[in-house]
Amino acid sequence: MAENFSFDFEGEHLVISEGSKGWNLELNKISWNKKPAKYDLRSWSEDHEKMGKGVTLSAEELKKLRDLLNSIEIS
């Protein structure tokens, strides 16, 4: 069984795509369990009460990902 955890949105509420069932893929800045906020990419329900699996990145990791994405040709 999953442990209890807390999260607080601290900024960067960016919707990447909107799902057909009301869930959105979003990039947010979130503090998990009262720790320093990190960038978080995951699906959220419309009311932000439920979430899907996601990836959490530090600012340095997000910058590296941005640079890597800018260096490749996406078709």
PDB file of N, CA and C in Angstrom:
ATOM      1  N   MET A   1       0.842  -1.178   0.000  1.00  0.00           N
ATOM      2  CA  MET A   1       0.000   0.000   0.000  1.00  0.00           C
ATOM      3  C   MET A   1       0.891   1.247   0.000  1.00  0.00           C
ATOM      4  N   ALA A   2       0.465   2.245  -0.734  1.00  0.00           N
ATOM      5  CA  ALA A   2       1.256   3.466  -0.868  1.00  0.00           C
ATOM      6  C   ALA A   2       1.237   4.274   0.428  1.00  0.00           C
ATOM      7  N   GLU A   3       2.354   4.921   0.694  1.00  0.00           N
ATOM      8  CA  GLU A   3       2.447   5.806   1.861  1.00  0.00           C
ATOM      9  C   GLU A   3       1.688   7.096   1.592  1.00  0.00           C
ATOM     10  N   ASN A   4       1.312   7.779   2.680  1.00  0.00           N
ATOM     11  CA  ASN A   4       0.731   9.106   2.528  1.00  0.00           C
ATOM     12  C   ASN A   4       1.829  10.075   2.131  1.00  0.00           C
ATOM     13  N   PHE A   5       1.488  11.019   1.299  1.00  0.00           N
ATOM     14  CA  PHE A   5       2.445  12.033   0.883  1.00  0.00           C
ATOM     15  C   PHE A   5       1.684  13.322   0.636  1.00  0.00           C
ATOM     16  N   SER A   6       2.415  14.415   0.580  1.00  0.00           N
ATOM     17  CA  SER A   6       1.790  15.707   0.323  1.00  0.00           C
ATOM     18  C   SER A   6       2.468  16.368  -0.867  1.00  0.00           C
ATOM     19  N   PHE A   7       1.726  17.262  -1.497  1.00  0.00           N
ATOM     20  CA  PHE A   7       2.297  18.038  -2.596  1.00  0.00           C
ATOM     21  C   PHE A   7       1.637  19.406  -2.633  1.00  0.00           C
ATOM     22  N   ASP A   8       2.426  20.391  -3.033  1.00  0.00           N
ATOM     23  CA  ASP A   8       1.936  21.755  -3.179  1.00  0.00           C
ATOM     24  C   ASP A   8       2.432  22.311  -4.509  1.00  0.00           C
ATOM     25  N   PHE A   9       1.512  22.841  -5.295  1.00  0.00           N
ATOM     26  CA  PHE A   9       1.882  23.483  -6.555  1.00  0.00           C
ATOM     27  C   PHE A   9       2.533  24.818  -6.234  1.00  0.00           C
ATOM     28  N   GLU A  10       3.702  25.063  -6.815  1.00  0.00           N
ATOM     29  CA  GLU A  10       4.425  26.302  -6.540  1.00  0.00           C
ATOM     30  C   GLU A  10       4.658  27.126  -7.801  1.00  0.00           C
ATOM     31  N   GLY A  11       4.065  26.740  -8.905  1.00  0.00           N
ATOM     32  CA  GLY A  11       4.205  27.527 -10.127  1.00  0.00           C
ATOM     33  C   GLY A  11       4.371  26.658 -11.346  1.00  0.00           C
ATOM     34  N   GLU A  12       4.557  27.315 -12.495  1.00  0.00           N
ATOM     35  CA  GLU A  12       4.775  26.640 -13.778  1.00  0.00           C
ATOM     36  C   GLU A  12       3.657  25.662 -14.107  1.00  0.00           C
ATOM     37  N   HIS A  13       2.441  26.154 -14.208  1.00  0.00           N
ATOM     38  CA  HIS A  13       1.305  25.304 -14.564  1.00  0.00           C
ATOM     39  C   HIS A  13       1.143  25.359 -16.086  1.00  0.00           C
ATOM     40  N   LEU A  14       1.813  24.441 -16.785  1.00  0.00           N
ATOM     41  CA  LEU A  14       1.799  24.434 -18.249  1.00  0.00           C
ATOM     42  C   LEU A  14       1.123  23.167 -18.754  1.00  0.00           C
ATOM     43  N   VAL A  15       0.074  23.317 -19.544  1.00  0.00           N
ATOM     44  CA  VAL A  15      -0.625  22.170 -20.110  1.00  0.00           C
ATOM     45  C   VAL A  15       0.038  21.824 -21.441  1.00  0.00           C
ATOM     46  N   ILE A  16       0.549  20.592 -21.529  1.00  0.00           N
ATOM     47  CA  ILE A  16       1.206  20.128 -22.753  1.00  0.00           C
ATOM     48  C   ILE A  16       0.183  19.542 -23.710  1.00  0.00           C
ATOM     49  N   SER A  17      -0.749  18.750 -23.174  1.00  0.00           N
ATOM     50  CA  SER A  17      -1.823  18.197 -23.996  1.00  0.00           C
ATOM     51  C   SER A  17      -3.042  17.946 -23.127  1.00  0.00           C
ATOM     52  N   GLU A  18      -4.194  17.972 -23.788  1.00  0.00           N
ATOM     53  CA  GLU A  18      -5.452  17.738 -23.103  1.00  0.00           C
ATOM     54  C   GLU A  18      -5.994  16.381 -23.521  1.00  0.00           C
ATOM     55  N   GLY A  19      -6.317  15.552 -22.532  1.00  0.00           N
ATOM     56  CA  GLY A  19      -6.857  14.235 -22.816  1.00  0.00           C
ATOM     57  C   GLY A  19      -8.349  14.275 -23.060  1.00  0.00           C
ATOM     58  N   SER A  20      -8.871  13.225 -23.650  1.00  0.00           N
ATOM     59  CA  SER A  20     -10.288  13.170 -23.985  1.00  0.00           C
ATOM     60  C   SER A  20     -11.178  12.945 -22.765  1.00  0.00           C
ATOM     61  N   LYS A  21     -10.601  12.490 -21.655  1.00  0.00           N
ATOM     62  CA  LYS A  21     -11.394  12.201 -20.458  1.00  0.00           C
ATOM     63  C   LYS A  21     -11.156  13.217 -19.348  1.00  0.00           C
ATOM     64  N   GLY A  22     -10.691  14.414 -19.695  1.00  0.00           N
ATOM     65  CA  GLY A  22     -10.518  15.473 -18.715  1.00  0.00           C
ATOM     66  C   GLY A  22      -9.161  15.514 -18.035  1.00  0.00           C
ATOM     67  N   TRP A  23      -8.282  14.577 -18.352  1.00  0.00           N
ATOM     68  CA  TRP A  23      -6.943  14.572 -17.775  1.00  0.00           C
ATOM     69  C   TRP A  23      -6.001  15.312 -18.705  1.00  0.00           C
ATOM     70  N   ASN A  24      -5.087  16.101 -18.121  1.00  0.00           N
ATOM     71  CA  ASN A  24      -4.122  16.863 -18.907  1.00  0.00           C
ATOM     72  C   ASN A  24      -2.705  16.445 -18.555  1.00  0.00           C
ATOM     73  N   LEU A  25      -1.850  16.388 -19.574  1.00  0.00           N
ATOM     74  CA  LEU A  25      -0.420  16.212 -19.353  1.00  0.00           C
ATOM     75  C   LEU A  25       0.133  17.600 -19.069  1.00  0.00           C
ATOM     76  N   GLU A  26       0.763  17.761 -17.891  1.00  0.00           N
ATOM     77  CA  GLU A  26       1.189  19.084 -17.445  1.00  0.00           C
ATOM     78  C   GLU A  26       2.632  19.091 -16.958  1.00  0.00           C
ATOM     79  N   LEU A  27       3.248  20.249 -17.113  1.00  0.00           N
ATOM     80  CA  LEU A  27       4.545  20.510 -16.491  1.00  0.00           C
ATOM     81  C   LEU A  27       4.284  21.519 -15.381  1.00  0.00           C
ATOM     82  N   ASN A  28       4.570  21.132 -14.150  1.00  0.00           N
ATOM     83  CA  ASN A  28       4.330  21.979 -12.983  1.00  0.00           C
ATOM     84  C   ASN A  28       5.581  22.027 -12.123  1.00  0.00           C
ATOM     85  N   LYS A  29       5.652  23.015 -11.267  1.00  0.00           N
ATOM     86  CA  LYS A  29       6.685  23.077 -10.244  1.00  0.00           C
ATOM     87  C   LYS A  29       5.988  22.712  -8.934  1.00  0.00           C
ATOM     88  N   ILE A  30       6.433  21.594  -8.329  1.00  0.00           N
ATOM     89  CA  ILE A  30       5.731  21.033  -7.182  1.00  0.00           C
ATOM     90  C   ILE A  30       6.705  20.737  -6.054  1.00  0.00           C
ATOM     91  N   SER A  31       6.268  21.035  -4.846  1.00  0.00           N
ATOM     92  CA  SER A  31       6.993  20.635  -3.644  1.00  0.00           C
ATOM     93  C   SER A  31       6.360  19.338  -3.145  1.00  0.00           C
ATOM     94  N   TRP A  32       7.128  18.269  -3.125  1.00  0.00           N
ATOM     95  CA  TRP A  32       6.665  16.973  -2.637  1.00  0.00           C
ATOM     96  C   TRP A  32       7.118  16.814  -1.193  1.00  0.00           C
ATOM     97  N   ASN A  33       6.182  16.510  -0.310  1.00  0.00           N
ATOM     98  CA  ASN A  33       6.473  16.265   1.110  1.00  0.00           C
ATOM     99  C   ASN A  33       7.271  17.404   1.743  1.00  0.00           C
ATOM    100  N   LYS A  34       6.894  18.638   1.412  1.00  0.00           N
ATOM    101  CA  LYS A  34       7.498  19.848   1.998  1.00  0.00           C
ATOM    102  C   LYS A  34       8.980  20.028   1.651  1.00  0.00           C
ATOM    103  N   LYS A  35       9.468  19.315   0.635  1.00  0.00           N
ATOM    104  CA  LYS A  35      10.858  19.461   0.188  1.00  0.00           C
ATOM    105  C   LYS A  35      10.921  20.565  -0.861  1.00  0.00           C
ATOM    106  N   PRO A  36      12.129  21.026  -1.205  1.00  0.00           N
ATOM    107  CA  PRO A  36      12.239  22.062  -2.243  1.00  0.00           C
ATOM    108  C   PRO A  36      11.535  21.635  -3.532  1.00  0.00           C
ATOM    109  N   ALA A  37      10.875  22.578  -4.163  1.00  0.00           N
ATOM    110  CA  ALA A  37      10.088  22.302  -5.368  1.00  0.00           C
ATOM    111  C   ALA A  37      10.973  21.830  -6.517  1.00  0.00           C
ATOM    112  N   LYS A  38      10.415  20.919  -7.312  1.00  0.00           N
ATOM    113  CA  LYS A  38      11.061  20.426  -8.522  1.00  0.00           C
ATOM    114  C   LYS A  38      10.060  20.491  -9.664  1.00  0.00           C
ATOM    115  N   TYR A  39      10.547  20.339 -10.878  1.00  0.00           N
ATOM    116  CA  TYR A  39       9.691  20.327 -12.048  1.00  0.00           C
ATOM    117  C   TYR A  39       9.131  18.922 -12.215  1.00  0.00           C
ATOM    118  N   ASP A  40       7.862  18.854 -12.543  1.00  0.00           N
ATOM    119  CA  ASP A  40       7.156  17.586 -12.558  1.00  0.00           C
ATOM    120  C   ASP A  40       6.319  17.472 -13.830  1.00  0.00           C
ATOM    121  N   LEU A  41       6.483  16.371 -14.552  1.00  0.00           N
ATOM    122  CA  LEU A  41       5.748  16.118 -15.780  1.00  0.00           C
ATOM    123  C   LEU A  41       4.883  14.885 -15.562  1.00  0.00           C
ATOM    124  N   ARG A  42       3.559  15.062 -15.579  1.00  0.00           N
ATOM    125  CA  ARG A  42       2.646  13.936 -15.381  1.00  0.00           C
ATOM    126  C   ARG A  42       1.231  14.339 -15.784  1.00  0.00           C
ATOM    127  N   SER A  43       0.344  13.354 -15.850  1.00  0.00           N
ATOM    128  CA  SER A  43      -1.065  13.589 -16.129  1.00  0.00           C
ATOM    129  C   SER A  43      -1.803  13.872 -14.827  1.00  0.00           C
ATOM    130  N   TRP A  44      -2.723  14.832 -14.897  1.00  0.00           N
ATOM    131  CA  TRP A  44      -3.530  15.217 -13.747  1.00  0.00           C
ATOM    132  C   TRP A  44      -4.999  15.233 -14.134  1.00  0.00           C
ATOM    133  N   SER A  45      -5.845  14.865 -13.169  1.00  0.00           N
ATOM    134  CA  SER A  45      -7.284  15.021 -13.372  1.00  0.00           C
ATOM    135  C   SER A  45      -7.594  16.516 -13.391  1.00  0.00           C
ATOM    136  N   GLU A  46      -8.772  16.840 -13.868  1.00  0.00           N
ATOM    137  CA  GLU A  46      -9.156  18.243 -14.019  1.00  0.00           C
ATOM    138  C   GLU A  46      -9.091  19.018 -12.703  1.00  0.00           C
ATOM    139  N   ASP A  47      -9.443  18.377 -11.596  1.00  0.00           N
ATOM    140  CA  ASP A  47      -9.447  19.040 -10.292  1.00  0.00           C
ATOM    141  C   ASP A  47      -8.131  18.892  -9.520  1.00  0.00           C
ATOM    142  N   HIS A  48      -7.147  18.260 -10.134  1.00  0.00           N
ATOM    143  CA  HIS A  48      -5.836  18.005  -9.522  1.00  0.00           C
ATOM    144  C   HIS A  48      -5.924  17.170  -8.245  1.00  0.00           C
ATOM    145  N   GLU A  49      -6.964  16.359  -8.134  1.00  0.00           N
ATOM    146  CA  GLU A  49      -7.110  15.450  -6.996  1.00  0.00           C
ATOM    147  C   GLU A  49      -6.453  14.101  -7.280  1.00  0.00           C
ATOM    148  N   LYS A  50      -6.366  13.732  -8.563  1.00  0.00           N
ATOM    149  CA  LYS A  50      -5.774  12.454  -8.963  1.00  0.00           C
ATOM    150  C   LYS A  50      -4.653  12.722  -9.948  1.00  0.00           C
ATOM    151  N   MET A  51      -3.648  11.828  -9.922  1.00  0.00           N
ATOM    152  CA  MET A  51      -2.505  11.993 -10.806  1.00  0.00           C
ATOM    153  C   MET A  51      -2.081  10.653 -11.385  1.00  0.00           C
ATOM    154  N   GLY A  52      -1.426  10.711 -12.533  1.00  0.00           N
ATOM    155  CA  GLY A  52      -0.835   9.528 -13.124  1.00  0.00           C
ATOM    156  C   GLY A  52       0.638   9.458 -12.757  1.00  0.00           C
ATOM    157  N   LYS A  53       1.301   8.436 -13.277  1.00  0.00           N
ATOM    158  CA  LYS A  53       2.744   8.321 -13.063  1.00  0.00           C
ATOM    159  C   LYS A  53       3.438   9.446 -13.811  1.00  0.00           C
ATOM    160  N   GLY A  54       4.580   9.864 -13.291  1.00  0.00           N
ATOM    161  CA  GLY A  54       5.268  10.970 -13.926  1.00  0.00           C
ATOM    162  C   GLY A  54       6.752  10.953 -13.671  1.00  0.00           C
ATOM    163  N   VAL A  55       7.376  12.037 -14.056  1.00  0.00           N
ATOM    164  CA  VAL A  55       8.819  12.226 -13.916  1.00  0.00           C
ATOM    165  C   VAL A  55       9.048  13.552 -13.212  1.00  0.00           C
ATOM    166  N   THR A  56       9.908  13.540 -12.200  1.00  0.00           N
ATOM    167  CA  THR A  56      10.260  14.749 -11.474  1.00  0.00           C
ATOM    168  C   THR A  56      11.720  15.081 -11.756  1.00  0.00           C
ATOM    169  N   LEU A  57      11.976  16.341 -12.107  1.00  0.00           N
ATOM    170  CA  LEU A  57      13.316  16.771 -12.501  1.00  0.00           C
ATOM    171  C   LEU A  57      13.742  18.005 -11.723  1.00  0.00           C
ATOM    172  N   SER A  58      15.022  18.065 -11.382  1.00  0.00           N
ATOM    173  CA  SER A  58      15.578  19.291 -10.804  1.00  0.00           C
ATOM    174  C   SER A  58      15.688  20.327 -11.912  1.00  0.00           C
ATOM    175  N   ALA A  59      15.950  21.572 -11.550  1.00  0.00           N
ATOM    176  CA  ALA A  59      16.123  22.628 -12.550  1.00  0.00           C
ATOM    177  C   ALA A  59      17.270  22.288 -13.499  1.00  0.00           C
ATOM    178  N   GLU A  60      18.351  21.745 -12.949  1.00  0.00           N
ATOM    179  CA  GLU A  60      19.511  21.387 -13.781  1.00  0.00           C
ATOM    180  C   GLU A  60      19.153  20.269 -14.765  1.00  0.00           C
ATOM    181  N   GLU A  61      18.400  19.283 -14.313  1.00  0.00           N
ATOM    182  CA  GLU A  61      17.994  18.187 -15.201  1.00  0.00           C
ATOM    183  C   GLU A  61      17.049  18.691 -16.285  1.00  0.00           C
ATOM    184  N   LEU A  62      16.138  19.589 -15.938  1.00  0.00           N
ATOM    185  CA  LEU A  62      15.215  20.136 -16.928  1.00  0.00           C
ATOM    186  C   LEU A  62      15.969  20.957 -17.972  1.00  0.00           C
ATOM    187  N   LYS A  63      16.958  21.732 -17.542  1.00  0.00           N
ATOM    188  CA  LYS A  63      17.775  22.504 -18.491  1.00  0.00           C
ATOM    189  C   LYS A  63      18.528  21.574 -19.431  1.00  0.00           C
ATOM    190  N   LYS A  64      19.080  20.489 -18.907  1.00  0.00           N
ATOM    191  CA  LYS A  64      19.804  19.516 -19.731  1.00  0.00           C
ATOM    192  C   LYS A  64      18.857  18.872 -20.743  1.00  0.00           C
ATOM    193  N   LEU A  65      17.654  18.511 -20.296  1.00  0.00           N
ATOM    194  CA  LEU A  65      16.660  17.935 -21.204  1.00  0.00           C
ATOM    195  C   LEU A  65      16.289  18.933 -22.290  1.00  0.00           C
ATOM    196  N   ARG A  66      16.085  20.204 -21.917  1.00  0.00           N
ATOM    197  CA  ARG A  66      15.787  21.242 -22.904  1.00  0.00           C
ATOM    198  C   ARG A  66      16.890  21.333 -23.946  1.00  0.00           C
ATOM    199  N   ASP A  67      18.144  21.349 -23.485  1.00  0.00           N
ATOM    200  CA  ASP A  67      19.278  21.454 -24.402  1.00  0.00           C
ATOM    201  C   ASP A  67      19.360  20.243 -25.322  1.00  0.00           C
ATOM    202  N   LEU A  68      19.118  19.059 -24.776  1.00  0.00           N
ATOM    203  CA  LEU A  68      19.132  17.846 -25.592  1.00  0.00           C
ATOM    204  C   LEU A  68      18.015  17.871 -26.633  1.00  0.00           C
ATOM    205  N   LEU A  69      16.828  18.292 -26.241  1.00  0.00           N
ATOM    206  CA  LEU A  69      15.723  18.364 -27.182  1.00  0.00           C
ATOM    207  C   LEU A  69      15.987  19.405 -28.271  1.00  0.00           C
ATOM    208  N   ASN A  70      16.617  20.507 -27.904  1.00  0.00           N
ATOM    209  CA  ASN A  70      16.945  21.538 -28.893  1.00  0.00           C
ATOM    210  C   ASN A  70      18.020  21.071 -29.876  1.00  0.00           C
ATOM    211  N   SER A  71      18.785  20.062 -29.489  1.00  0.00           N
ATOM    212  CA  SER A  71      19.876  19.599 -30.357  1.00  0.00           C
ATOM    213  C   SER A  71      19.448  18.503 -31.341  1.00  0.00           C
ATOM    214  N   ILE A  72      18.242  18.001 -31.208  1.00  0.00           N
ATOM    215  CA  ILE A  72      17.804  16.947 -32.131  1.00  0.00           C
ATOM    216  C   ILE A  72      16.730  17.464 -33.060  1.00  0.00           C
ATOM    217  N   GLU A  73      16.633  16.817 -34.220  1.00  0.00           N
ATOM    218  CA  GLU A  73      15.590  17.168 -35.183  1.00  0.00           C
ATOM    219  C   GLU A  73      14.389  16.292 -34.903  1.00  0.00           C
ATOM    220  N   ILE A  74      13.270  16.926 -34.627  1.00  0.00           N
ATOM    221  CA  ILE A  74      12.036  16.200 -34.334  1.00  0.00           C
ATOM    222  C   ILE A  74      11.150  16.263 -35.570  1.00  0.00           C
ATOM    223  N   SER A  75      10.754  15.102 -36.031  1.00  0.00           N
ATOM    224  CA  SER A  75       9.920  15.080 -37.263  1.00  0.00           C
ATOM    225  C   SER A  75       8.511  14.660 -36.963  1.00  0.00           C
TER     226      SER A  75
END
